[in-house]
N, C-alpha and C. Protein backbone atom coordinates (compact mmCIF):
# COMPACT_ATOMS: atom_id res chain seq x y z
N MET A 1 13.23 -18.41 12.04
CA MET A 1 13.66 -17.73 10.83
C MET A 1 13.05 -18.46 9.62
N THR A 2 12.55 -17.69 8.66
CA THR A 2 11.98 -18.29 7.47
C THR A 2 13.05 -18.43 6.40
N ASP A 3 12.75 -19.24 5.38
CA ASP A 3 13.77 -19.53 4.38
C ASP A 3 13.95 -18.40 3.37
N LEU A 4 15.09 -18.42 2.72
CA LEU A 4 15.48 -17.37 1.78
C LEU A 4 14.50 -17.27 0.61
N ASN A 5 14.02 -18.41 0.10
CA ASN A 5 13.08 -18.37 -1.03
C ASN A 5 11.81 -17.62 -0.67
N LEU A 6 11.32 -17.80 0.54
CA LEU A 6 10.12 -17.09 0.97
C LEU A 6 10.40 -15.58 1.06
N HIS A 7 11.54 -15.21 1.60
CA HIS A 7 11.92 -13.79 1.66
C HIS A 7 12.01 -13.19 0.26
N LEU A 8 12.62 -13.90 -0.66
CA LEU A 8 12.72 -13.40 -2.04
C LEU A 8 11.35 -13.25 -2.68
N LYS A 9 10.47 -14.21 -2.45
CA LYS A 9 9.11 -14.17 -2.99
C LYS A 9 8.35 -12.97 -2.44
N ILE A 10 8.48 -12.69 -1.16
CA ILE A 10 7.76 -11.58 -0.54
C ILE A 10 8.35 -10.24 -0.99
N ASN A 11 9.66 -10.15 -1.09
CA ASN A 11 10.27 -8.91 -1.60
C ASN A 11 9.83 -8.64 -3.03
N ASP A 12 9.76 -9.68 -3.86
CA ASP A 12 9.29 -9.52 -5.23
C ASP A 12 7.83 -9.07 -5.25
N PHE A 13 7.02 -9.60 -4.35
CA PHE A 13 5.61 -9.21 -4.23
C PHE A 13 5.49 -7.71 -3.94
N TYR A 14 6.26 -7.23 -2.96
CA TYR A 14 6.23 -5.80 -2.63
C TYR A 14 6.71 -4.95 -3.82
N THR A 15 7.72 -5.42 -4.52
CA THR A 15 8.23 -4.67 -5.68
C THR A 15 7.18 -4.60 -6.78
N ARG A 16 6.54 -5.71 -7.08
CA ARG A 16 5.50 -5.72 -8.12
C ARG A 16 4.31 -4.85 -7.72
N TYR A 17 3.97 -4.86 -6.44
CA TYR A 17 2.89 -4.02 -5.92
C TYR A 17 3.21 -2.54 -6.20
N ALA A 18 4.41 -2.10 -5.81
CA ALA A 18 4.82 -0.71 -6.03
C ALA A 18 4.85 -0.38 -7.52
N GLU A 19 5.36 -1.29 -8.32
CA GLU A 19 5.42 -1.06 -9.77
C GLU A 19 4.04 -0.87 -10.38
N SER A 20 3.04 -1.59 -9.89
CA SER A 20 1.70 -1.46 -10.46
C SER A 20 1.18 -0.03 -10.31
N ILE A 21 1.54 0.61 -9.21
CA ILE A 21 1.11 1.99 -8.98
C ILE A 21 2.02 2.96 -9.73
N CYS A 22 3.33 2.78 -9.60
CA CYS A 22 4.30 3.69 -10.22
C CYS A 22 4.20 3.69 -11.75
N ASP A 23 3.95 2.54 -12.32
CA ASP A 23 3.90 2.41 -13.78
C ASP A 23 2.54 2.80 -14.37
N GLY A 24 1.62 3.27 -13.51
CA GLY A 24 0.32 3.69 -13.99
C GLY A 24 -0.63 2.55 -14.30
N ASP A 25 -0.31 1.35 -13.81
CA ASP A 25 -1.14 0.18 -14.06
C ASP A 25 -2.09 -0.03 -12.87
N ILE A 26 -2.79 1.04 -12.50
CA ILE A 26 -3.61 1.04 -11.30
C ILE A 26 -4.73 0.00 -11.34
N GLU A 27 -5.15 -0.40 -12.53
CA GLU A 27 -6.22 -1.41 -12.64
C GLU A 27 -5.82 -2.74 -12.02
N THR A 28 -4.51 -3.03 -11.97
CA THR A 28 -4.06 -4.31 -11.40
C THR A 28 -3.87 -4.24 -9.89
N TRP A 29 -3.91 -3.04 -9.32
CA TRP A 29 -3.66 -2.87 -7.88
C TRP A 29 -4.57 -3.73 -7.01
N PRO A 30 -5.89 -3.79 -7.24
CA PRO A 30 -6.74 -4.63 -6.37
C PRO A 30 -6.39 -6.11 -6.42
N GLU A 31 -5.74 -6.56 -7.49
CA GLU A 31 -5.40 -7.98 -7.61
C GLU A 31 -4.31 -8.41 -6.62
N PHE A 32 -3.71 -7.48 -5.94
CA PHE A 32 -2.73 -7.80 -4.90
C PHE A 32 -3.39 -8.10 -3.56
N PHE A 33 -4.74 -8.12 -3.53
CA PHE A 33 -5.50 -8.30 -2.29
C PHE A 33 -6.44 -9.50 -2.40
N THR A 34 -6.75 -10.08 -1.24
CA THR A 34 -7.77 -11.11 -1.17
C THR A 34 -9.14 -10.46 -1.33
N GLU A 35 -10.17 -11.26 -1.60
CA GLU A 35 -11.52 -10.72 -1.79
C GLU A 35 -11.97 -9.95 -0.54
N LYS A 36 -11.84 -10.58 0.60
CA LYS A 36 -12.16 -9.92 1.87
C LYS A 36 -10.84 -9.43 2.43
N CYS A 37 -10.69 -8.12 2.51
CA CYS A 37 -9.42 -7.57 2.95
C CYS A 37 -9.67 -6.28 3.73
N LEU A 38 -8.62 -5.80 4.36
CA LEU A 38 -8.67 -4.52 5.04
C LEU A 38 -7.51 -3.70 4.52
N TYR A 39 -7.81 -2.48 4.07
CA TYR A 39 -6.79 -1.57 3.57
C TYR A 39 -7.02 -0.23 4.24
N ARG A 40 -5.96 0.29 4.85
CA ARG A 40 -6.11 1.55 5.57
C ARG A 40 -4.82 2.35 5.47
N ILE A 41 -4.96 3.65 5.22
CA ILE A 41 -3.86 4.60 5.33
C ILE A 41 -4.23 5.52 6.49
N ILE A 42 -3.35 5.63 7.46
CA ILE A 42 -3.70 6.32 8.70
C ILE A 42 -2.48 7.06 9.26
N PRO A 43 -2.69 8.26 9.81
CA PRO A 43 -1.55 8.96 10.43
C PRO A 43 -1.09 8.25 11.70
N LYS A 44 0.17 8.36 12.02
CA LYS A 44 0.75 7.69 13.19
C LYS A 44 0.03 8.07 14.48
N THR A 45 -0.34 9.34 14.61
CA THR A 45 -1.02 9.76 15.84
C THR A 45 -2.32 8.99 16.04
N ASN A 46 -3.08 8.79 14.98
CA ASN A 46 -4.33 8.03 15.09
C ASN A 46 -4.04 6.54 15.32
N TYR A 47 -3.04 6.02 14.64
CA TYR A 47 -2.67 4.61 14.82
C TYR A 47 -2.28 4.35 16.28
N ASP A 48 -1.45 5.23 16.84
CA ASP A 48 -1.01 5.07 18.22
C ASP A 48 -2.18 5.15 19.20
N ARG A 49 -3.20 5.93 18.87
CA ARG A 49 -4.38 6.08 19.74
C ARG A 49 -5.45 5.04 19.46
N LYS A 50 -5.17 4.12 18.53
CA LYS A 50 -6.13 3.09 18.13
C LYS A 50 -7.39 3.69 17.48
N LEU A 51 -7.22 4.85 16.84
CA LEU A 51 -8.30 5.48 16.09
C LEU A 51 -8.23 5.02 14.65
N ARG A 52 -9.36 4.81 14.03
CA ARG A 52 -9.40 4.27 12.67
C ARG A 52 -9.44 5.33 11.59
N ILE A 53 -9.42 6.58 11.95
CA ILE A 53 -9.62 7.67 10.99
C ILE A 53 -8.35 7.92 10.17
N GLY A 54 -8.50 7.95 8.86
CA GLY A 54 -7.39 8.21 7.96
C GLY A 54 -7.92 8.57 6.58
N PRO A 55 -7.05 8.96 5.68
CA PRO A 55 -7.50 9.43 4.36
C PRO A 55 -7.95 8.34 3.38
N MET A 56 -7.66 7.07 3.65
CA MET A 56 -8.09 6.02 2.73
C MET A 56 -8.42 4.77 3.54
N PHE A 57 -9.56 4.13 3.18
CA PHE A 57 -10.04 2.97 3.93
C PHE A 57 -10.88 2.09 3.01
N ALA A 58 -10.68 0.79 3.09
CA ALA A 58 -11.50 -0.16 2.32
C ALA A 58 -11.55 -1.48 3.07
N GLU A 59 -12.68 -2.18 2.95
CA GLU A 59 -12.86 -3.47 3.62
C GLU A 59 -13.08 -4.63 2.66
N SER A 60 -12.83 -4.41 1.37
CA SER A 60 -12.99 -5.51 0.42
C SER A 60 -12.27 -5.16 -0.88
N LYS A 61 -12.02 -6.19 -1.68
CA LYS A 61 -11.42 -5.95 -2.99
C LYS A 61 -12.36 -5.12 -3.86
N GLY A 62 -13.67 -5.30 -3.68
CA GLY A 62 -14.64 -4.49 -4.42
C GLY A 62 -14.48 -3.01 -4.13
N ALA A 63 -14.23 -2.65 -2.87
CA ALA A 63 -14.01 -1.25 -2.50
C ALA A 63 -12.72 -0.72 -3.13
N LEU A 64 -11.71 -1.58 -3.24
CA LEU A 64 -10.47 -1.16 -3.90
C LEU A 64 -10.71 -0.92 -5.38
N LYS A 65 -11.52 -1.76 -6.00
CA LYS A 65 -11.86 -1.56 -7.42
C LYS A 65 -12.64 -0.27 -7.60
N ASP A 66 -13.51 0.06 -6.64
CA ASP A 66 -14.23 1.34 -6.70
C ASP A 66 -13.25 2.51 -6.66
N ARG A 67 -12.20 2.37 -5.85
CA ARG A 67 -11.17 3.42 -5.77
C ARG A 67 -10.49 3.60 -7.13
N VAL A 68 -10.22 2.50 -7.81
CA VAL A 68 -9.59 2.57 -9.13
C VAL A 68 -10.52 3.29 -10.11
N VAL A 69 -11.80 2.98 -10.07
CA VAL A 69 -12.76 3.66 -10.95
C VAL A 69 -12.77 5.16 -10.64
N ALA A 70 -12.75 5.50 -9.36
CA ALA A 70 -12.73 6.92 -8.97
C ALA A 70 -11.48 7.61 -9.52
N ILE A 71 -10.33 6.96 -9.40
CA ILE A 71 -9.08 7.54 -9.89
C ILE A 71 -9.13 7.72 -11.40
N LYS A 72 -9.60 6.71 -12.10
CA LYS A 72 -9.58 6.72 -13.56
C LYS A 72 -10.69 7.58 -14.18
N GLU A 73 -11.86 7.66 -13.51
CA GLU A 73 -13.01 8.25 -14.19
C GLU A 73 -13.67 9.43 -13.50
N THR A 74 -13.54 9.57 -12.19
CA THR A 74 -14.34 10.61 -11.54
C THR A 74 -13.54 11.66 -10.78
N LEU A 75 -12.39 11.32 -10.24
CA LEU A 75 -11.62 12.30 -9.49
C LEU A 75 -11.00 13.33 -10.42
N VAL A 76 -10.95 14.56 -9.96
CA VAL A 76 -10.29 15.62 -10.71
C VAL A 76 -9.03 15.99 -9.92
N TYR A 77 -7.88 15.80 -10.54
CA TYR A 77 -6.61 16.08 -9.88
C TYR A 77 -5.57 16.40 -10.94
N SER A 78 -4.53 17.10 -10.53
CA SER A 78 -3.44 17.44 -11.44
C SER A 78 -2.68 16.17 -11.83
N ALA A 79 -2.23 16.13 -13.06
CA ALA A 79 -1.43 14.98 -13.52
C ALA A 79 -0.19 14.87 -12.66
N ARG A 80 0.21 13.64 -12.36
CA ARG A 80 1.36 13.40 -11.51
C ARG A 80 1.96 12.04 -11.79
N SER A 81 3.22 11.91 -11.47
CA SER A 81 3.90 10.61 -11.48
C SER A 81 4.15 10.24 -10.02
N ILE A 82 4.08 8.97 -9.75
CA ILE A 82 4.26 8.47 -8.38
C ILE A 82 5.44 7.52 -8.37
N THR A 83 6.28 7.64 -7.34
CA THR A 83 7.37 6.70 -7.12
C THR A 83 7.30 6.19 -5.68
N HIS A 84 7.18 4.88 -5.55
CA HIS A 84 7.18 4.22 -4.24
C HIS A 84 8.55 3.63 -3.99
N LEU A 85 9.12 3.94 -2.86
CA LEU A 85 10.35 3.29 -2.44
C LEU A 85 10.02 2.44 -1.22
N VAL A 86 10.18 1.14 -1.38
CA VAL A 86 9.88 0.20 -0.30
C VAL A 86 11.19 -0.37 0.18
N SER A 87 11.38 -0.41 1.50
CA SER A 87 12.61 -0.99 2.03
C SER A 87 12.32 -1.71 3.34
N GLY A 88 13.30 -2.43 3.79
CA GLY A 88 13.19 -3.09 5.09
C GLY A 88 12.04 -4.08 5.20
N VAL A 89 11.70 -4.73 4.10
CA VAL A 89 10.63 -5.73 4.16
C VAL A 89 11.07 -6.86 5.07
N ARG A 90 10.23 -7.14 6.07
CA ARG A 90 10.60 -8.18 7.04
C ARG A 90 9.38 -9.05 7.34
N ILE A 91 9.60 -10.34 7.34
CA ILE A 91 8.56 -11.28 7.77
C ILE A 91 8.65 -11.38 9.28
N VAL A 92 7.59 -10.95 9.95
CA VAL A 92 7.57 -10.93 11.41
C VAL A 92 7.17 -12.29 11.96
N SER A 93 6.17 -12.92 11.33
CA SER A 93 5.74 -14.24 11.79
C SER A 93 5.08 -15.00 10.65
N VAL A 94 5.07 -16.31 10.80
CA VAL A 94 4.42 -17.20 9.85
C VAL A 94 3.50 -18.11 10.64
N GLN A 95 2.21 -18.08 10.28
CA GLN A 95 1.23 -18.97 10.91
C GLN A 95 0.46 -19.67 9.79
N GLY A 96 0.91 -20.87 9.44
CA GLY A 96 0.30 -21.58 8.31
C GLY A 96 0.54 -20.83 7.02
N ASP A 97 -0.55 -20.44 6.34
CA ASP A 97 -0.46 -19.70 5.08
C ASP A 97 -0.49 -18.19 5.28
N LEU A 98 -0.49 -17.72 6.52
CA LEU A 98 -0.57 -16.29 6.78
C LEU A 98 0.75 -15.75 7.31
N LEU A 99 1.25 -14.72 6.63
CA LEU A 99 2.47 -14.04 7.06
C LEU A 99 2.12 -12.69 7.64
N LYS A 100 2.77 -12.31 8.70
CA LYS A 100 2.72 -10.94 9.20
C LYS A 100 4.02 -10.30 8.77
N THR A 101 3.92 -9.15 8.11
CA THR A 101 5.12 -8.50 7.58
C THR A 101 5.11 -7.02 7.95
N ARG A 102 6.28 -6.43 7.82
CA ARG A 102 6.46 -4.99 8.01
C ARG A 102 7.35 -4.48 6.89
N SER A 103 7.22 -3.20 6.61
CA SER A 103 8.13 -2.55 5.65
C SER A 103 8.14 -1.06 5.94
N MET A 104 9.12 -0.38 5.36
CA MET A 104 9.20 1.07 5.39
C MET A 104 8.87 1.57 3.99
N LEU A 105 8.29 2.77 3.93
CA LEU A 105 7.77 3.25 2.66
C LEU A 105 7.99 4.75 2.55
N ALA A 106 8.42 5.18 1.38
CA ALA A 106 8.46 6.60 1.03
C ALA A 106 7.81 6.74 -0.34
N ILE A 107 6.89 7.69 -0.45
CA ILE A 107 6.21 7.92 -1.72
C ILE A 107 6.48 9.35 -2.14
N TYR A 108 6.97 9.47 -3.36
CA TYR A 108 7.24 10.78 -3.97
C TYR A 108 6.23 10.98 -5.08
N GLN A 109 5.79 12.22 -5.24
CA GLN A 109 4.96 12.53 -6.40
C GLN A 109 5.57 13.71 -7.13
N THR A 110 5.57 13.60 -8.44
CA THR A 110 6.06 14.67 -9.30
C THR A 110 4.87 15.21 -10.07
N LEU A 111 4.56 16.45 -9.83
CA LEU A 111 3.41 17.08 -10.49
C LEU A 111 3.77 17.46 -11.92
N VAL A 112 2.75 17.81 -12.68
CA VAL A 112 2.92 18.11 -14.09
C VAL A 112 3.93 19.25 -14.31
N ASP A 113 4.09 20.14 -13.31
CA ASP A 113 5.06 21.23 -13.46
C ASP A 113 6.49 20.77 -13.23
N GLY A 114 6.68 19.51 -12.88
CA GLY A 114 8.01 18.95 -12.71
C GLY A 114 8.56 19.01 -11.30
N THR A 115 7.79 19.55 -10.38
CA THR A 115 8.25 19.64 -9.00
C THR A 115 7.96 18.34 -8.27
N THR A 116 8.98 17.77 -7.65
CA THR A 116 8.84 16.53 -6.90
C THR A 116 8.72 16.85 -5.41
N HIS A 117 7.75 16.19 -4.77
CA HIS A 117 7.52 16.36 -3.33
C HIS A 117 7.40 15.00 -2.67
N ILE A 118 7.77 14.94 -1.42
CA ILE A 118 7.49 13.73 -0.64
C ILE A 118 6.00 13.75 -0.32
N GLN A 119 5.30 12.71 -0.72
CA GLN A 119 3.87 12.60 -0.47
C GLN A 119 3.62 11.96 0.90
N LEU A 120 4.40 10.93 1.20
CA LEU A 120 4.13 10.16 2.40
C LEU A 120 5.38 9.39 2.78
N VAL A 121 5.68 9.36 4.06
CA VAL A 121 6.76 8.55 4.60
C VAL A 121 6.20 7.80 5.80
N GLY A 122 6.47 6.52 5.87
CA GLY A 122 5.95 5.76 7.00
C GLY A 122 6.34 4.30 6.93
N ARG A 123 5.49 3.48 7.51
CA ARG A 123 5.74 2.04 7.58
C ARG A 123 4.43 1.30 7.34
N THR A 124 4.54 0.04 7.02
CA THR A 124 3.35 -0.78 6.80
C THR A 124 3.34 -1.95 7.77
N PHE A 125 2.14 -2.35 8.13
CA PHE A 125 1.91 -3.52 8.96
C PHE A 125 0.92 -4.37 8.17
N ASP A 126 1.41 -5.46 7.60
CA ASP A 126 0.63 -6.22 6.63
C ASP A 126 0.43 -7.66 7.04
N SER A 127 -0.66 -8.24 6.54
CA SER A 127 -0.90 -9.67 6.60
C SER A 127 -0.99 -10.15 5.16
N ILE A 128 -0.21 -11.16 4.85
CA ILE A 128 -0.15 -11.69 3.48
C ILE A 128 -0.60 -13.14 3.50
N ASP A 129 -1.59 -13.44 2.67
CA ASP A 129 -2.14 -14.78 2.55
C ASP A 129 -1.43 -15.51 1.42
N LEU A 130 -0.87 -16.67 1.71
CA LEU A 130 -0.20 -17.50 0.70
C LEU A 130 -1.04 -18.71 0.32
N GLY A 131 -2.31 -18.71 0.70
CA GLY A 131 -3.18 -19.86 0.56
C GLY A 131 -3.22 -20.51 -0.81
N ASP A 132 -3.24 -19.72 -1.87
CA ASP A 132 -3.30 -20.32 -3.21
C ASP A 132 -1.93 -20.33 -3.89
N GLY A 133 -0.88 -20.07 -3.11
CA GLY A 133 0.48 -20.08 -3.66
C GLY A 133 0.95 -18.72 -4.15
N THR A 134 0.01 -17.79 -4.34
CA THR A 134 0.33 -16.44 -4.77
C THR A 134 0.12 -15.50 -3.60
N PRO A 135 1.12 -14.72 -3.23
CA PRO A 135 0.93 -13.78 -2.11
C PRO A 135 -0.16 -12.75 -2.42
N LYS A 136 -1.01 -12.50 -1.43
CA LYS A 136 -2.04 -11.46 -1.53
C LYS A 136 -2.21 -10.84 -0.16
N PHE A 137 -2.37 -9.53 -0.14
CA PHE A 137 -2.63 -8.86 1.13
C PHE A 137 -4.04 -9.20 1.61
N SER A 138 -4.16 -9.66 2.83
CA SER A 138 -5.47 -9.75 3.47
C SER A 138 -5.67 -8.53 4.37
N GLU A 139 -4.56 -7.90 4.73
CA GLU A 139 -4.61 -6.66 5.49
C GLU A 139 -3.38 -5.84 5.15
N ARG A 140 -3.61 -4.56 4.89
CA ARG A 140 -2.49 -3.63 4.64
C ARG A 140 -2.80 -2.34 5.37
N ILE A 141 -2.00 -2.07 6.39
CA ILE A 141 -2.15 -0.86 7.18
C ILE A 141 -0.91 -0.01 6.93
N VAL A 142 -1.11 1.14 6.30
CA VAL A 142 -0.03 2.08 6.01
C VAL A 142 -0.12 3.20 7.05
N VAL A 143 0.92 3.34 7.84
CA VAL A 143 0.96 4.35 8.89
C VAL A 143 1.97 5.41 8.49
N PHE A 144 1.47 6.63 8.20
CA PHE A 144 2.39 7.69 7.79
C PHE A 144 2.77 8.55 8.99
N ASP A 145 3.99 9.08 8.95
CA ASP A 145 4.60 9.72 10.11
C ASP A 145 4.00 11.07 10.49
N SER A 146 3.57 11.86 9.53
CA SER A 146 3.06 13.19 9.83
C SER A 146 1.56 13.14 10.09
N GLU A 147 1.03 14.24 10.64
CA GLU A 147 -0.43 14.29 10.85
C GLU A 147 -1.15 14.73 9.59
N LEU A 148 -0.44 15.47 8.74
CA LEU A 148 -1.04 15.96 7.50
C LEU A 148 -0.21 15.48 6.31
N LEU A 149 -0.89 15.26 5.21
CA LEU A 149 -0.20 14.90 3.97
C LEU A 149 0.03 16.14 3.13
N ALA A 150 1.14 16.14 2.41
CA ALA A 150 1.45 17.25 1.52
C ALA A 150 0.64 17.09 0.23
N GLY A 151 -0.48 17.74 0.14
CA GLY A 151 -1.32 17.65 -1.05
C GLY A 151 -2.31 16.50 -0.96
N ALA A 152 -3.07 16.34 -2.03
CA ALA A 152 -4.11 15.33 -2.09
C ALA A 152 -3.51 13.94 -2.24
N LEU A 153 -4.08 13.01 -1.52
CA LEU A 153 -3.67 11.60 -1.64
C LEU A 153 -4.61 10.95 -2.66
N VAL A 154 -4.15 10.86 -3.89
CA VAL A 154 -4.96 10.33 -4.97
C VAL A 154 -4.73 8.82 -5.09
N PHE A 155 -3.49 8.42 -5.17
CA PHE A 155 -3.14 7.02 -5.41
C PHE A 155 -2.89 6.28 -4.11
N PRO A 156 -3.10 4.97 -4.12
CA PRO A 156 -2.86 4.18 -2.90
C PRO A 156 -1.38 4.10 -2.55
N ALA A 157 -1.14 3.67 -1.34
CA ALA A 157 0.24 3.49 -0.86
C ALA A 157 0.55 2.02 -0.71
């Protein structure tokens, strides 16, 4: 069992991560990752089959920054608000400065017309590097429960 301070630090990390997206501060989102990282959003059916195919994939912080540029400058999509609900954050294992964690996630989006829809429901399987004292994802795998997403997946999970 890990200590309470570590659990509080990791829960705060997940909360700040969700806030960066929900509050529209998408430029800070890549800063939650190490330079060399893996980020994937994948349907459960593909995850269970060990298939890598999903709607979002990146292998570096640079690729995440490219996603931010696409969101801010090139993608055409309806205005929306995003709300991430993160729960059940659990540290599965600690190996030196690397934590393996899990969480449950629900993402709601409210379109400009005011209609709120569930965008994604699932769980995460993450690796968090504590090497420099600040938690950063070295791997974030978001596995969503359905095979299809309701609408376009614009923002990260």
